[in-house]
Amino acid sequence: MMVDATPENKAILLEALEDMMYKLSLQLDDFKGGPLDKQRKELTEKQSKVEKLQHQISLA
């Protein structure tokens, strides 16, 4: 099932992704200065995927 990229849906999706990015950045902040362990690597990868999704939605 695809979600229609109406302006209203785009705004809601982008806002939700912004909230997610904020939470991820807070989680990653706890790892600042530390080694790139498994959890930090997973959070960084997730953050990258969310950034790409934000970009795709904003262009849709």
Protein backbone atom coordinates (compact mmCIF):
# COMPACT_ATOMS: atom_id res chain seq x y z
CA MET A 1 0.00 0.00 0.00
CA MET A 2 1.39 3.39 -0.98
CA VAL A 3 0.61 6.60 0.84
CA ASP A 4 -0.51 9.47 -1.35
CA ALA A 5 2.02 12.28 -1.41
CA THR A 6 -0.56 14.98 -0.80
CA PRO A 7 0.79 18.19 0.72
CA GLU A 8 -0.97 17.35 3.98
CA ASN A 9 0.51 13.85 4.13
CA LYS A 10 3.97 15.16 3.21
CA ALA A 11 3.86 17.70 6.02
CA ILE A 12 2.81 15.09 8.58
CA LEU A 13 5.39 12.57 7.40
CA LEU A 14 8.18 15.14 7.43
CA GLU A 15 7.20 16.31 10.91
CA ALA A 16 7.21 12.72 12.18
CA LEU A 17 10.63 12.13 10.63
CA GLU A 18 11.94 15.36 12.19
CA ASP A 19 10.81 14.08 15.59
CA MET A 20 12.52 10.77 14.91
CA MET A 21 15.74 12.54 13.87
CA TYR A 22 15.65 14.57 17.08
CA LYS A 23 15.28 11.44 19.20
CA LEU A 24 18.07 9.71 17.30
CA SER A 25 20.37 12.69 17.78
CA LEU A 26 19.66 12.64 21.52
CA GLN A 27 20.48 8.93 21.65
CA LEU A 28 23.65 9.44 19.62
CA ASP A 29 24.69 12.32 21.88
CA ASP A 30 25.10 9.78 24.70
CA PHE A 31 27.81 8.08 22.62
CA LYS A 32 29.70 11.28 21.79
CA GLY A 33 33.44 10.81 22.19
CA GLY A 34 33.07 7.08 22.63
CA PRO A 35 33.97 4.17 20.38
CA LEU A 36 31.87 3.23 17.36
CA ASP A 37 30.22 0.23 19.00
CA LYS A 38 27.37 -1.84 17.58
CA GLN A 39 24.56 0.26 19.06
CA ARG A 40 26.11 3.56 17.95
CA LYS A 41 26.69 2.18 14.46
CA GLU A 42 23.05 1.01 14.23
CA LEU A 43 21.76 4.42 15.36
CA THR A 44 24.01 6.19 12.85
CA GLU A 45 22.78 3.95 10.03
CA LYS A 46 19.17 4.53 11.07
CA GLN A 47 19.77 8.28 11.12
CA SER A 48 21.21 8.11 7.60
CA LYS A 49 18.19 6.16 6.34
CA VAL A 50 15.78 8.65 7.91
CA GLU A 51 17.67 11.54 6.29
CA LYS A 52 17.38 9.87 2.89
CA LEU A 53 13.67 9.25 3.44
CA GLN A 54 13.13 12.88 4.43
CA HIS A 55 14.82 13.96 1.23
CA GLN A 56 12.74 11.59 -0.91
CA ILE A 57 9.48 12.75 0.67
CA SER A 58 10.34 16.42 0.33
CA LEU A 59 11.00 15.93 -3.39
CA ALA A 60 7.81 13.90 -3.97
